[in-house]
N, C-alpha and C. Protein backbone atom coordinates (compact mmCIF):
# COMPACT_ATOMS: atom_id res chain seq x y z
N MET A 1 38.15 -7.26 70.96
CA MET A 1 37.87 -7.77 69.22
C MET A 1 38.05 -9.61 68.79
N PRO A 2 37.40 -9.73 68.10
CA PRO A 2 37.36 -10.97 68.13
C PRO A 2 38.63 -11.08 67.15
N HIS A 3 38.77 -12.62 67.13
CA HIS A 3 40.10 -13.15 66.43
C HIS A 3 39.91 -14.13 65.61
N GLY A 4 40.16 -13.90 63.89
CA GLY A 4 40.14 -15.19 63.18
C GLY A 4 38.69 -15.04 62.03
N PRO A 5 38.67 -15.79 61.45
CA PRO A 5 37.88 -15.66 60.37
C PRO A 5 36.27 -16.05 61.03
N ALA A 6 35.12 -15.44 60.35
CA ALA A 6 33.87 -15.63 61.07
C ALA A 6 33.62 -16.80 60.88
N GLU A 7 32.71 -17.58 61.50
CA GLU A 7 32.43 -18.89 61.43
C GLU A 7 31.42 -18.96 60.35
N VAL A 8 31.76 -19.91 59.71
CA VAL A 8 31.06 -20.37 58.10
C VAL A 8 29.73 -20.51 58.49
N GLY A 9 28.38 -20.24 58.15
CA GLY A 9 27.13 -21.19 57.99
C GLY A 9 26.17 -21.21 58.94
N VAL A 10 25.52 -21.91 59.54
CA VAL A 10 24.68 -21.92 61.05
C VAL A 10 24.99 -22.94 61.61
N GLY A 11 24.08 -22.37 62.76
CA GLY A 11 24.46 -24.04 63.97
C GLY A 11 23.24 -24.53 64.19
N PRO A 12 22.96 -25.32 64.76
CA PRO A 12 21.58 -25.87 64.67
C PRO A 12 20.16 -25.26 64.55
N TRP A 13 19.78 -26.43 64.19
CA TRP A 13 18.49 -25.56 63.57
C TRP A 13 17.45 -25.20 65.40
N GLN A 14 17.43 -23.97 65.29
CA GLN A 14 16.60 -23.39 66.55
C GLN A 14 14.74 -23.87 66.91
N GLY A 15 14.25 -24.57 67.68
CA GLY A 15 12.48 -24.44 67.55
C GLY A 15 12.77 -26.21 66.70
N GLU A 16 10.94 -26.07 66.54
CA GLU A 16 10.45 -27.31 65.66
C GLU A 16 11.04 -27.20 64.24
N TRP A 17 11.53 -28.71 64.34
CA TRP A 17 11.87 -28.97 62.89
C TRP A 17 11.53 -29.03 61.36
N PRO A 18 11.85 -28.38 60.36
CA PRO A 18 10.89 -27.96 59.48
C PRO A 18 10.99 -29.75 58.99
N THR A 19 9.53 -29.53 58.03
CA THR A 19 9.52 -30.98 57.36
C THR A 19 9.60 -30.70 55.77
N GLY A 20 9.97 -32.44 55.60
CA GLY A 20 10.35 -32.36 53.96
C GLY A 20 11.67 -33.56 53.91
N ALA A 21 11.60 -34.30 52.67
CA ALA A 21 12.52 -34.96 52.36
C ALA A 21 13.99 -34.17 52.15
N GLN A 22 13.73 -32.95 51.72
CA GLN A 22 15.25 -32.81 51.29
C GLN A 22 15.79 -32.24 52.07
N TYR A 23 15.75 -31.95 53.82
CA TYR A 23 16.16 -31.97 54.90
C TYR A 23 17.20 -33.41 55.42
N ASP A 24 18.15 -32.38 55.83
CA ASP A 24 19.24 -33.92 56.49
C ASP A 24 19.24 -33.43 57.70
N ALA A 25 18.83 -34.85 58.91
CA ALA A 25 18.60 -34.60 60.16
C ALA A 25 19.40 -34.11 60.83
N ARG A 26 20.90 -34.58 60.44
CA ARG A 26 22.43 -34.43 60.94
C ARG A 26 22.54 -32.84 61.21
N LEU A 27 22.44 -32.12 59.69
CA LEU A 27 22.53 -31.01 59.57
C LEU A 27 21.94 -30.26 60.34
N LEU A 28 20.51 -30.64 60.55
CA LEU A 28 19.21 -29.70 61.31
C LEU A 28 20.04 -29.93 62.87
N ALA A 29 20.59 -31.21 63.09
CA ALA A 29 20.88 -31.31 64.47
C ALA A 29 22.10 -30.81 65.00
N GLU A 30 23.28 -30.33 63.73
CA GLU A 30 24.52 -30.19 64.30
C GLU A 30 24.74 -29.14 63.84
N GLY A 31 24.02 -28.74 62.91
CA GLY A 31 24.48 -27.03 61.94
C GLY A 31 25.01 -27.55 60.66
N ASP A 32 25.00 -26.39 60.12
CA ASP A 32 25.33 -26.38 58.74
C ASP A 32 26.29 -25.58 58.14
N ARG A 33 27.79 -26.19 58.38
CA ARG A 33 28.97 -25.34 58.10
C ARG A 33 29.56 -25.23 56.75
N ARG A 34 28.40 -25.54 55.66
CA ARG A 34 29.00 -25.73 54.13
C ARG A 34 28.70 -24.60 53.38
N ASN A 35 29.58 -24.52 52.16
CA ASN A 35 29.70 -23.20 51.56
C ASN A 35 28.20 -23.37 50.53
N VAL A 36 27.48 -22.90 50.99
CA VAL A 36 26.20 -23.00 50.16
C VAL A 36 25.13 -21.49 50.35
N VAL A 37 24.53 -21.56 49.35
CA VAL A 37 23.65 -20.66 49.75
C VAL A 37 22.77 -20.57 50.39
N ASN A 38 21.90 -19.26 51.31
CA ASN A 38 20.88 -19.84 52.23
C ASN A 38 19.83 -20.88 51.77
N ARG A 39 19.29 -20.81 50.59
CA ARG A 39 18.21 -21.54 50.43
C ARG A 39 18.63 -23.16 50.55
N TYR A 40 19.70 -23.40 50.43
CA TYR A 40 20.33 -24.58 50.44
C TYR A 40 20.65 -25.01 51.87
N ARG A 41 20.15 -24.04 52.77
CA ARG A 41 20.81 -24.79 54.38
C ARG A 41 20.19 -25.89 54.70
N TYR A 42 20.81 -26.98 55.44
CA TYR A 42 20.31 -28.07 56.03
C TYR A 42 19.50 -28.88 54.98
N TRP A 43 19.82 -28.77 53.92
CA TRP A 43 19.42 -29.77 52.53
C TRP A 43 20.76 -30.51 52.43
N THR A 44 20.00 -32.19 52.28
CA THR A 44 21.11 -32.72 51.84
C THR A 44 21.94 -32.41 50.73
N VAL A 45 22.85 -33.23 50.35
CA VAL A 45 23.65 -32.99 49.13
C VAL A 45 22.54 -33.48 47.66
N GLU A 46 22.02 -34.36 48.28
CA GLU A 46 20.98 -35.19 46.66
C GLU A 46 20.12 -34.42 46.51
N ALA A 47 19.36 -33.78 47.44
CA ALA A 47 18.22 -32.56 47.53
C ALA A 47 19.09 -31.51 46.51
N ILE A 48 19.79 -30.90 47.16
CA ILE A 48 20.93 -29.75 46.30
C ILE A 48 20.88 -29.61 44.56
N VAL A 49 21.44 -31.05 44.67
CA VAL A 49 21.59 -31.59 43.23
C VAL A 49 20.68 -31.57 42.25
N ALA A 50 19.25 -32.06 42.95
CA ALA A 50 18.06 -32.64 41.82
C ALA A 50 17.78 -30.88 42.12
N ASP A 51 17.64 -29.86 42.84
CA ASP A 51 17.10 -28.94 42.40
C ASP A 51 17.94 -27.96 41.56
N LEU A 52 19.52 -28.11 41.78
CA LEU A 52 19.80 -27.56 40.63
C LEU A 52 19.83 -28.29 39.22
N ASP A 53 19.34 -29.25 39.11
CA ASP A 53 19.24 -30.36 38.06
C ASP A 53 17.65 -29.76 37.20
N THR A 54 17.02 -28.97 38.03
CA THR A 54 15.95 -28.27 37.10
C THR A 54 16.06 -27.13 36.66
N ARG A 55 17.15 -26.80 36.69
CA ARG A 55 17.27 -25.06 36.20
C ARG A 55 18.84 -25.08 35.62
N ARG A 56 19.61 -25.99 35.35
CA ARG A 56 21.22 -25.85 34.56
C ARG A 56 20.93 -25.13 33.58
N HIS A 57 22.34 -24.23 33.44
CA HIS A 57 22.11 -23.90 31.92
C HIS A 57 22.55 -24.74 31.06
N ASP A 58 22.76 -23.98 30.04
CA ASP A 58 22.60 -25.02 28.38
C ASP A 58 24.32 -25.13 28.28
N PHE A 59 24.98 -24.40 28.96
CA PHE A 59 26.69 -24.51 28.48
C PHE A 59 27.51 -25.74 29.21
N HIS A 60 28.62 -26.29 28.70
CA HIS A 60 29.31 -27.23 29.25
C HIS A 60 31.05 -26.67 29.39
N VAL A 61 31.46 -27.49 30.29
CA VAL A 61 32.83 -26.51 30.15
C VAL A 61 34.07 -28.20 30.60
N ALA A 62 35.00 -28.15 29.93
CA ALA A 62 36.00 -29.04 29.57
C ALA A 62 37.28 -28.64 29.99
N ILE A 63 38.15 -29.49 30.48
CA ILE A 63 39.64 -29.39 30.55
C ILE A 63 40.49 -30.87 30.34
N GLU A 64 41.41 -30.28 29.67
CA GLU A 64 42.57 -31.47 29.28
C GLU A 64 42.97 -31.48 30.49
N ASN A 65 43.18 -33.23 30.90
CA ASN A 65 43.75 -33.48 32.06
C ASN A 65 45.34 -34.02 31.77
N TRP A 66 46.35 -34.00 31.44
CA TRP A 66 47.53 -34.77 30.80
C TRP A 66 48.27 -34.38 31.95
N GLN A 67 48.18 -33.45 32.89
CA GLN A 67 49.53 -33.01 33.66
C GLN A 67 49.35 -33.04 34.94
N HIS A 68 47.92 -33.77 35.52
CA HIS A 68 47.40 -33.45 36.80
C HIS A 68 47.41 -31.63 37.20
N ASP A 69 46.45 -31.17 36.02
CA ASP A 69 46.24 -29.93 36.45
C ASP A 69 45.73 -29.17 37.64
N PHE A 70 46.39 -28.12 38.24
CA PHE A 70 45.60 -27.78 39.26
C PHE A 70 44.77 -26.82 39.63
N ASN A 71 44.24 -26.37 37.83
CA ASN A 71 43.54 -25.70 37.36
C ASN A 71 42.03 -26.30 37.42
N ILE A 72 42.44 -27.47 37.21
CA ILE A 72 40.50 -28.26 37.33
C ILE A 72 39.88 -27.88 38.13
N GLY A 73 40.29 -28.10 39.86
CA GLY A 73 39.78 -27.48 40.64
C GLY A 73 38.65 -26.75 40.69
N THR A 74 39.44 -25.46 40.26
CA THR A 74 39.17 -24.13 40.27
C THR A 74 37.95 -24.09 39.34
N ILE A 75 38.14 -24.49 37.75
CA ILE A 75 37.14 -24.40 36.79
C ILE A 75 35.89 -25.50 37.44
N VAL A 76 35.83 -26.20 38.24
CA VAL A 76 35.07 -26.76 38.76
C VAL A 76 34.12 -26.17 39.38
N ARG A 77 34.95 -25.38 40.63
CA ARG A 77 34.35 -24.40 41.60
C ARG A 77 33.34 -23.42 40.14
N SER A 78 33.90 -23.13 39.43
CA SER A 78 33.29 -21.40 38.58
C SER A 78 31.99 -22.66 37.74
N ALA A 79 31.97 -23.48 37.14
CA ALA A 79 31.19 -24.20 36.61
C ALA A 79 30.08 -24.18 37.68
N ASN A 80 30.06 -24.41 39.03
CA ASN A 80 28.99 -24.80 39.82
C ASN A 80 28.26 -23.14 39.98
N ALA A 81 29.23 -22.20 40.15
CA ALA A 81 28.95 -20.84 40.50
C ALA A 81 28.00 -20.41 39.59
N PHE A 82 28.29 -20.82 38.09
CA PHE A 82 27.73 -20.13 36.95
C PHE A 82 26.91 -21.49 36.67
N LEU A 83 26.38 -22.54 37.32
CA LEU A 83 25.61 -23.81 36.95
C LEU A 83 25.67 -24.40 35.68
N ALA A 84 27.05 -24.43 35.74
CA ALA A 84 27.29 -25.33 33.80
C ALA A 84 26.47 -26.59 33.97
N ALA A 85 25.94 -27.11 32.78
CA ALA A 85 25.26 -28.33 32.86
C ALA A 85 26.32 -29.60 32.92
N GLU A 86 27.34 -29.65 32.43
CA GLU A 86 28.26 -30.77 33.30
C GLU A 86 29.67 -29.94 32.80
N VAL A 87 30.45 -30.86 34.08
CA VAL A 87 32.16 -30.27 33.47
C VAL A 87 32.91 -32.11 32.93
N HIS A 88 33.45 -31.69 31.87
CA HIS A 88 34.17 -32.97 31.35
C HIS A 88 35.76 -32.56 31.53
N ILE A 89 36.11 -33.94 31.65
CA ILE A 89 37.61 -33.75 32.20
C ILE A 89 38.35 -35.11 30.92
N VAL A 90 39.01 -34.47 30.18
CA VAL A 90 39.40 -35.13 28.89
C VAL A 90 40.93 -35.84 29.27
N GLY A 91 41.41 -36.70 29.37
CA GLY A 91 42.79 -37.24 29.61
C GLY A 91 42.60 -38.40 30.90
N ARG A 92 43.42 -38.25 31.74
CA ARG A 92 43.44 -38.89 32.91
C ARG A 92 42.58 -38.25 34.08
N ARG A 93 41.87 -39.37 34.13
CA ARG A 93 40.38 -39.58 34.85
C ARG A 93 41.17 -38.96 36.54
N ARG A 94 41.89 -39.67 37.19
CA ARG A 94 41.90 -38.66 38.46
C ARG A 94 42.68 -37.27 38.19
N TRP A 95 41.56 -36.25 39.21
CA TRP A 95 42.47 -34.93 38.87
C TRP A 95 42.32 -34.20 40.74
N ASN A 96 43.11 -33.10 40.55
CA ASN A 96 43.27 -32.47 42.18
C ASN A 96 42.13 -31.97 42.11
N ARG A 97 41.01 -32.29 43.40
CA ARG A 97 40.03 -31.77 43.63
C ARG A 97 39.94 -30.69 44.92
N ARG A 98 41.00 -30.10 45.46
CA ARG A 98 41.11 -29.43 45.90
C ARG A 98 40.77 -27.94 46.16
N GLY A 99 41.03 -27.62 44.87
CA GLY A 99 40.59 -25.89 44.20
C GLY A 99 38.74 -26.13 44.20
N ALA A 100 38.22 -27.49 44.23
CA ALA A 100 37.08 -27.26 43.99
C ALA A 100 36.09 -27.07 45.08
N MET A 101 36.79 -26.89 46.17
CA MET A 101 36.20 -26.81 47.31
C MET A 101 34.69 -27.22 47.89
N VAL A 102 35.00 -28.98 47.44
CA VAL A 102 33.45 -29.56 47.46
C VAL A 102 32.52 -29.43 46.51
N THR A 103 32.81 -28.50 45.93
CA THR A 103 31.90 -28.07 44.63
C THR A 103 31.30 -28.93 43.96
N ASP A 104 31.78 -29.79 43.61
CA ASP A 104 32.17 -31.39 42.64
C ASP A 104 30.97 -32.39 43.21
N ARG A 105 30.62 -32.11 44.41
CA ARG A 105 29.68 -32.99 45.11
C ARG A 105 28.24 -32.30 44.21
N TYR A 106 28.43 -31.19 43.97
CA TYR A 106 26.91 -30.78 43.30
C TYR A 106 27.10 -30.32 41.60
N GLN A 107 28.14 -31.23 41.37
CA GLN A 107 28.13 -30.42 39.96
C GLN A 107 28.48 -31.95 38.96
N HIS A 108 27.92 -31.82 37.78
CA HIS A 108 28.23 -33.45 36.90
C HIS A 108 29.53 -33.36 36.38
N VAL A 109 30.39 -34.12 37.03
CA VAL A 109 31.34 -34.47 36.16
C VAL A 109 31.74 -35.71 35.29
N ARG A 110 31.92 -35.25 34.12
CA ARG A 110 32.09 -36.77 33.31
C ARG A 110 33.34 -36.41 32.47
N HIS A 111 34.08 -38.11 32.60
CA HIS A 111 35.26 -38.29 32.12
C HIS A 111 35.36 -38.73 30.73
N HIS A 112 36.20 -38.50 30.02
CA HIS A 112 36.53 -38.76 28.40
C HIS A 112 37.91 -39.33 27.99
N GLU A 113 37.91 -40.37 27.77
CA GLU A 113 39.39 -40.70 27.12
C GLU A 113 40.37 -39.52 26.59
N ASP A 114 39.58 -39.01 25.38
CA ASP A 114 40.46 -37.80 24.90
C ASP A 114 39.69 -37.25 23.96
N ALA A 115 39.99 -35.85 23.45
CA ALA A 115 38.62 -35.22 22.94
C ALA A 115 38.06 -35.32 21.73
N ASP A 116 38.37 -36.53 20.73
CA ASP A 116 36.91 -37.30 19.93
C ASP A 116 36.09 -37.73 20.59
N ALA A 117 36.72 -38.45 21.85
CA ALA A 117 35.09 -38.94 22.50
C ALA A 117 34.29 -37.72 23.04
N LEU A 118 35.26 -36.74 23.62
CA LEU A 118 34.16 -35.62 23.80
C LEU A 118 33.52 -35.42 22.59
N ALA A 119 33.79 -34.80 22.01
CA ALA A 119 33.08 -34.23 20.92
C ALA A 119 32.25 -35.32 20.50
N GLY A 120 32.40 -36.68 20.55
CA GLY A 120 31.51 -37.38 20.27
C GLY A 120 30.02 -37.61 20.75
N TYR A 121 30.34 -37.60 22.43
CA TYR A 121 29.73 -37.39 23.31
C TYR A 121 28.65 -35.91 23.13
N LEU A 122 29.30 -34.58 22.64
CA LEU A 122 28.43 -34.03 22.53
C LEU A 122 27.49 -33.56 21.43
N HIS A 123 27.93 -34.05 20.58
CA HIS A 123 27.70 -34.16 19.05
C HIS A 123 26.47 -35.35 19.06
N SER A 124 26.41 -36.31 19.95
CA SER A 124 25.04 -37.19 19.73
C SER A 124 24.08 -37.23 20.88
N LEU A 125 24.22 -35.65 21.98
CA LEU A 125 23.12 -35.66 22.70
C LEU A 125 22.04 -35.02 21.91
N PRO A 126 20.60 -34.96 22.46
CA PRO A 126 19.53 -35.23 21.83
C PRO A 126 19.32 -33.95 21.02
N GLU A 127 20.27 -32.78 21.91
CA GLU A 127 19.92 -31.65 21.55
C GLU A 127 21.77 -31.37 21.05
N PRO A 128 22.47 -31.42 19.99
CA PRO A 128 23.62 -31.50 20.13
C PRO A 128 23.84 -29.91 20.98
N VAL A 129 25.62 -30.30 21.21
CA VAL A 129 26.23 -28.99 21.61
C VAL A 129 27.80 -29.00 21.13
N ARG A 130 27.87 -27.56 20.59
CA ARG A 130 29.01 -27.28 20.09
C ARG A 130 30.26 -27.49 20.75
N LEU A 131 31.23 -27.69 20.13
CA LEU A 131 32.74 -28.05 21.08
C LEU A 131 33.96 -26.78 20.70
N MET A 132 33.84 -25.60 21.51
CA MET A 132 34.79 -24.86 21.36
C MET A 132 35.61 -24.39 22.14
N GLY A 133 37.03 -24.24 21.69
CA GLY A 133 37.84 -24.38 22.27
C GLY A 133 38.93 -22.64 22.10
N ILE A 134 39.44 -23.01 23.14
CA ILE A 134 40.03 -21.62 23.57
C ILE A 134 41.70 -21.59 23.19
N ASP A 135 41.85 -21.16 22.45
CA ASP A 135 43.29 -20.80 21.54
C ASP A 135 43.78 -19.61 20.89
N ASN A 136 44.87 -19.20 21.74
CA ASN A 136 45.04 -17.63 20.80
C ASN A 136 46.38 -17.72 19.54
N LEU A 137 45.39 -18.42 18.67
CA LEU A 137 45.85 -18.75 17.42
C LEU A 137 45.46 -18.07 16.56
N PRO A 138 46.24 -17.50 14.83
CA PRO A 138 45.44 -17.02 14.12
C PRO A 138 44.23 -17.67 13.85
N GLY A 139 43.00 -17.11 13.13
CA GLY A 139 41.82 -17.55 12.69
C GLY A 139 40.97 -17.71 13.80
N SER A 140 41.14 -17.79 15.18
CA SER A 140 40.56 -17.72 16.66
C SER A 140 39.63 -16.57 16.50
N SER A 141 38.36 -17.12 16.65
CA SER A 141 37.15 -16.04 16.55
C SER A 141 37.61 -14.91 18.25
N HIS A 142 37.13 -13.61 17.86
CA HIS A 142 37.48 -12.99 19.59
C HIS A 142 35.97 -13.41 20.24
N LEU A 143 36.45 -13.55 21.68
CA LEU A 143 35.08 -14.11 22.58
C LEU A 143 34.51 -12.75 22.29
N GLU A 144 35.13 -11.80 22.49
CA GLU A 144 34.22 -10.37 22.61
C GLU A 144 33.32 -9.97 22.04
N THR A 145 33.41 -10.30 20.48
CA THR A 145 32.54 -9.92 19.48
C THR A 145 31.63 -11.32 18.84
N MET A 146 32.33 -12.32 19.30
CA MET A 146 31.43 -13.55 18.70
C MET A 146 30.20 -13.72 19.20
N GLN A 147 29.36 -14.35 18.72
CA GLN A 147 27.94 -14.38 19.27
C GLN A 147 28.01 -16.19 19.87
N VAL A 148 28.36 -16.09 21.15
CA VAL A 148 28.33 -17.11 22.30
C VAL A 148 27.22 -17.92 22.03
N PRO A 149 27.25 -19.63 21.29
CA PRO A 149 26.51 -20.50 20.85
C PRO A 149 25.54 -20.52 22.20
N ARG A 150 24.22 -20.84 22.60
CA ARG A 150 23.61 -21.22 23.57
C ARG A 150 23.81 -22.93 24.21
N ARG A 151 24.17 -23.52 23.04
CA ARG A 151 24.41 -25.11 23.54
C ARG A 151 25.69 -25.10 23.24
N VAL A 152 26.75 -25.08 24.47
CA VAL A 152 28.25 -25.10 23.92
C VAL A 152 29.03 -25.55 24.93
N CYS A 153 30.19 -26.19 24.74
CA CYS A 153 31.14 -26.77 25.39
C CYS A 153 32.51 -26.11 25.16
N PHE A 154 33.26 -25.36 26.11
CA PHE A 154 33.95 -24.71 26.18
C PHE A 154 35.05 -25.54 26.73
N LEU A 155 36.28 -25.65 25.88
CA LEU A 155 36.93 -26.41 26.24
C LEU A 155 38.69 -25.85 26.55
N PHE A 156 39.22 -26.38 27.49
CA PHE A 156 40.50 -25.81 27.37
C PHE A 156 41.56 -26.53 27.76
N GLY A 157 42.84 -26.19 27.10
CA GLY A 157 44.02 -27.32 27.62
C GLY A 157 44.64 -26.86 28.89
N GLN A 158 45.87 -27.48 28.89
CA GLN A 158 46.89 -27.74 30.24
C GLN A 158 47.35 -26.51 30.44
N GLU A 159 47.69 -26.04 31.48
CA GLU A 159 48.43 -24.34 31.95
C GLU A 159 49.70 -24.80 31.20
N GLY A 160 50.28 -23.59 30.67
CA GLY A 160 51.04 -23.60 29.47
C GLY A 160 50.85 -23.94 28.21
N PRO A 161 51.05 -24.88 27.64
CA PRO A 161 51.00 -25.47 26.58
C PRO A 161 49.53 -25.59 25.59
N GLY A 162 48.42 -25.17 26.41
CA GLY A 162 47.19 -24.92 25.95
C GLY A 162 46.59 -26.00 25.39
N LEU A 163 46.01 -26.01 24.40
CA LEU A 163 45.05 -27.30 23.72
C LEU A 163 45.80 -28.01 22.93
N SER A 164 45.59 -29.62 23.13
CA SER A 164 46.63 -30.08 22.79
C SER A 164 45.95 -30.12 20.62
N GLU A 165 47.21 -30.84 20.29
CA GLU A 165 46.47 -30.84 18.70
C GLU A 165 45.42 -31.75 18.24
N ALA A 166 45.11 -32.79 19.08
CA ALA A 166 43.98 -33.72 18.99
C ALA A 166 42.89 -32.76 19.04
N ALA A 167 42.64 -32.07 20.55
CA ALA A 167 41.51 -31.10 20.94
C ALA A 167 41.23 -30.26 19.72
N ARG A 168 42.73 -29.43 19.02
CA ARG A 168 42.32 -28.52 18.37
C ARG A 168 41.49 -28.94 17.17
N GLU A 169 41.77 -30.30 16.63
CA GLU A 169 41.45 -31.09 15.51
C GLU A 169 39.99 -31.49 15.71
N ALA A 170 39.65 -31.65 17.33
CA ALA A 170 38.13 -32.12 17.67
C ALA A 170 37.13 -30.98 17.78
N CYS A 171 37.37 -29.90 17.96
CA CYS A 171 36.79 -28.66 18.26
C CYS A 171 35.96 -28.47 17.12
N ASP A 172 34.91 -27.65 17.20
CA ASP A 172 33.82 -27.15 15.70
C ASP A 172 34.76 -25.56 15.73
N GLY A 173 35.63 -25.17 16.52
CA GLY A 173 35.74 -23.99 16.48
C GLY A 173 36.71 -23.58 17.43
N THR A 174 37.26 -22.30 17.44
CA THR A 174 37.94 -21.87 18.60
C THR A 174 37.91 -20.32 18.76
N PHE A 175 38.12 -19.68 19.86
CA PHE A 175 38.07 -18.71 20.44
C PHE A 175 39.27 -18.04 21.31
N SER A 176 39.48 -16.46 21.31
CA SER A 176 40.47 -16.46 21.92
C SER A 176 39.56 -15.16 22.86
N ILE A 177 40.64 -14.78 24.09
CA ILE A 177 40.28 -13.77 24.80
C ILE A 177 41.20 -12.48 24.47
N ALA A 178 40.62 -11.58 24.41
CA ALA A 178 41.49 -10.12 24.39
C ALA A 178 42.37 -9.98 25.53
N GLN A 179 43.78 -9.60 24.89
CA GLN A 179 44.74 -9.20 26.01
C GLN A 179 45.45 -8.28 25.44
N PHE A 180 45.78 -7.42 26.25
CA PHE A 180 46.57 -6.14 25.92
C PHE A 180 48.28 -5.94 26.22
N GLY A 181 48.53 -6.96 27.66
CA GLY A 181 49.87 -6.90 27.95
C GLY A 181 50.96 -7.84 27.42
N SER A 182 51.93 -7.92 28.17
CA SER A 182 53.50 -8.61 27.83
C SER A 182 53.18 -10.19 27.68
N THR A 183 52.02 -10.85 28.49
CA THR A 183 52.22 -12.15 28.83
C THR A 183 51.03 -12.77 27.58
N ARG A 184 51.84 -14.08 26.84
CA ARG A 184 50.91 -14.79 25.99
C ARG A 184 49.86 -15.46 26.39
N SER A 185 49.71 -15.55 27.79
CA SER A 185 48.57 -16.31 27.92
C SER A 185 48.33 -15.72 29.50
N ILE A 186 46.67 -16.42 29.72
CA ILE A 186 46.32 -15.92 31.28
C ILE A 186 45.95 -17.08 31.79
N ASN A 187 46.24 -17.29 33.18
CA ASN A 187 45.38 -18.59 33.72
C ASN A 187 44.48 -19.50 32.91
N ALA A 188 44.66 -20.75 33.09
CA ALA A 188 43.36 -20.99 32.35
C ALA A 188 42.01 -21.48 33.32
N SER A 189 42.19 -21.19 34.49
CA SER A 189 40.73 -21.18 35.19
C SER A 189 40.45 -19.99 35.27
N ALA A 190 41.09 -18.57 35.06
CA ALA A 190 40.59 -17.38 34.78
C ALA A 190 40.22 -17.11 33.45
N ALA A 191 40.75 -18.01 32.24
CA ALA A 191 39.98 -18.03 30.77
C ALA A 191 38.59 -18.95 31.31
N ALA A 192 38.25 -20.26 31.87
CA ALA A 192 37.50 -20.79 31.84
C ALA A 192 36.17 -19.56 32.41
N ALA A 193 36.77 -19.10 33.77
CA ALA A 193 35.55 -18.06 34.51
C ALA A 193 35.29 -16.80 33.36
N ILE A 194 35.94 -16.44 32.30
CA ILE A 194 35.74 -15.17 31.80
C ILE A 194 34.61 -16.03 30.94
N ALA A 195 34.81 -17.26 29.98
CA ALA A 195 34.11 -17.75 29.42
C ALA A 195 32.91 -18.20 29.81
N MET A 196 32.71 -18.66 30.88
CA MET A 196 31.65 -19.00 31.57
C MET A 196 30.32 -17.83 31.58
N HIS A 197 31.25 -16.61 31.79
CA HIS A 197 30.40 -15.57 32.25
C HIS A 197 29.94 -14.94 30.97
N SER A 198 30.90 -14.99 29.79
CA SER A 198 29.84 -14.31 28.89
C SER A 198 28.95 -15.17 28.19
N TRP A 199 29.07 -16.42 28.71
CA TRP A 199 27.61 -17.03 28.13
C TRP A 199 26.21 -16.86 29.09
N ILE A 200 26.89 -16.34 30.54
CA ILE A 200 26.02 -15.57 31.76
C ILE A 200 25.69 -14.29 30.86
N VAL A 201 26.36 -13.72 30.56
CA VAL A 201 25.93 -12.26 30.04
C VAL A 201 24.99 -12.66 28.67
N ALA A 202 25.39 -13.35 28.07
CA ALA A 202 24.49 -13.35 26.70
C ALA A 202 23.13 -14.33 26.69
N HIS A 203 22.78 -15.23 27.83
CA HIS A 203 21.65 -16.54 27.55
C HIS A 203 21.29 -16.30 28.97
N ALA A 204 21.65 -16.11 30.26
CA ALA A 204 21.22 -16.08 31.50
C ALA A 204 19.82 -15.50 31.61
N ASP A 205 18.91 -15.91 32.71
CA ASP A 205 17.70 -15.20 32.98
C ASP A 205 17.97 -14.16 34.65
N LEU A 206 18.64 -13.12 34.25
CA LEU A 206 18.73 -12.74 35.51
C LEU A 206 17.64 -12.07 36.49
N THR A 207 16.34 -12.25 35.87
CA THR A 207 15.02 -11.76 36.54
C THR A 207 14.85 -12.87 37.30
N ASP A 208 15.32 -13.93 37.07
CA ASP A 208 15.15 -15.62 37.95
C ASP A 208 15.21 -15.17 39.39
N GLU A 209 14.40 -15.50 40.55
CA GLU A 209 14.78 -15.18 41.90
C GLU A 209 15.75 -16.23 42.30
N ALA A 210 16.24 -17.29 41.27
CA ALA A 210 17.48 -18.00 41.70
C ALA A 210 18.67 -17.47 41.58
N ALA A 211 19.10 -16.28 40.71
CA ALA A 211 20.12 -15.62 40.97
C ALA A 211 20.17 -14.62 41.83
N TRP A 212 21.52 -15.49 42.09
CA TRP A 212 22.51 -15.20 43.62
C TRP A 212 22.38 -13.45 43.76
N ARG A 213 22.12 -12.31 44.36
CA ARG A 213 22.21 -11.17 44.10
C ARG A 213 23.04 -10.74 45.57
N GLY A 214 23.93 -11.77 46.49
CA GLY A 214 24.67 -11.48 47.53
C GLY A 214 23.53 -10.68 48.85
């Protein structure tokens, strides 16, 4: 019986090499062991990003970064999976990329000094984007029953304290995710994935051949 995990990706290209600017000669020669879908095997990072840019979704995701939150990398990975327009880091510029599993190479990540700067950027876009924060506070809409805006940025606070007071004031509104157990909150990266998937359910074109089906 074999031991250890199955080898990821594909080996060197067999036979005559394909032509096209999207292909990476080194990957064709040595193999492509990256965690990418089959359509992007042997493609350069630049070619993959350019192709993703032709069909990115209209939602953004943002997270406050005051304590080097380990959730940020995981949120970036989910944003890549759901094909967010951009990811926004609010606060400290440096963040822990380990959880991103290299997906930040394929995702547009933008930094903002504070929540007001983020809101200003989103509102100034040619097609303005609403800033919606997640906060389990009275007055928050229920994600399960609200109409998720098509052009929206989901903003998440730090693990533990949640959204800062400044972030709450900068938001156009807040929503909460229904919980029924004893804990006051769920993990920030899990909440972000739920919010992003709610957008997919409401707005994504699941008939598109680009939708990954396993």
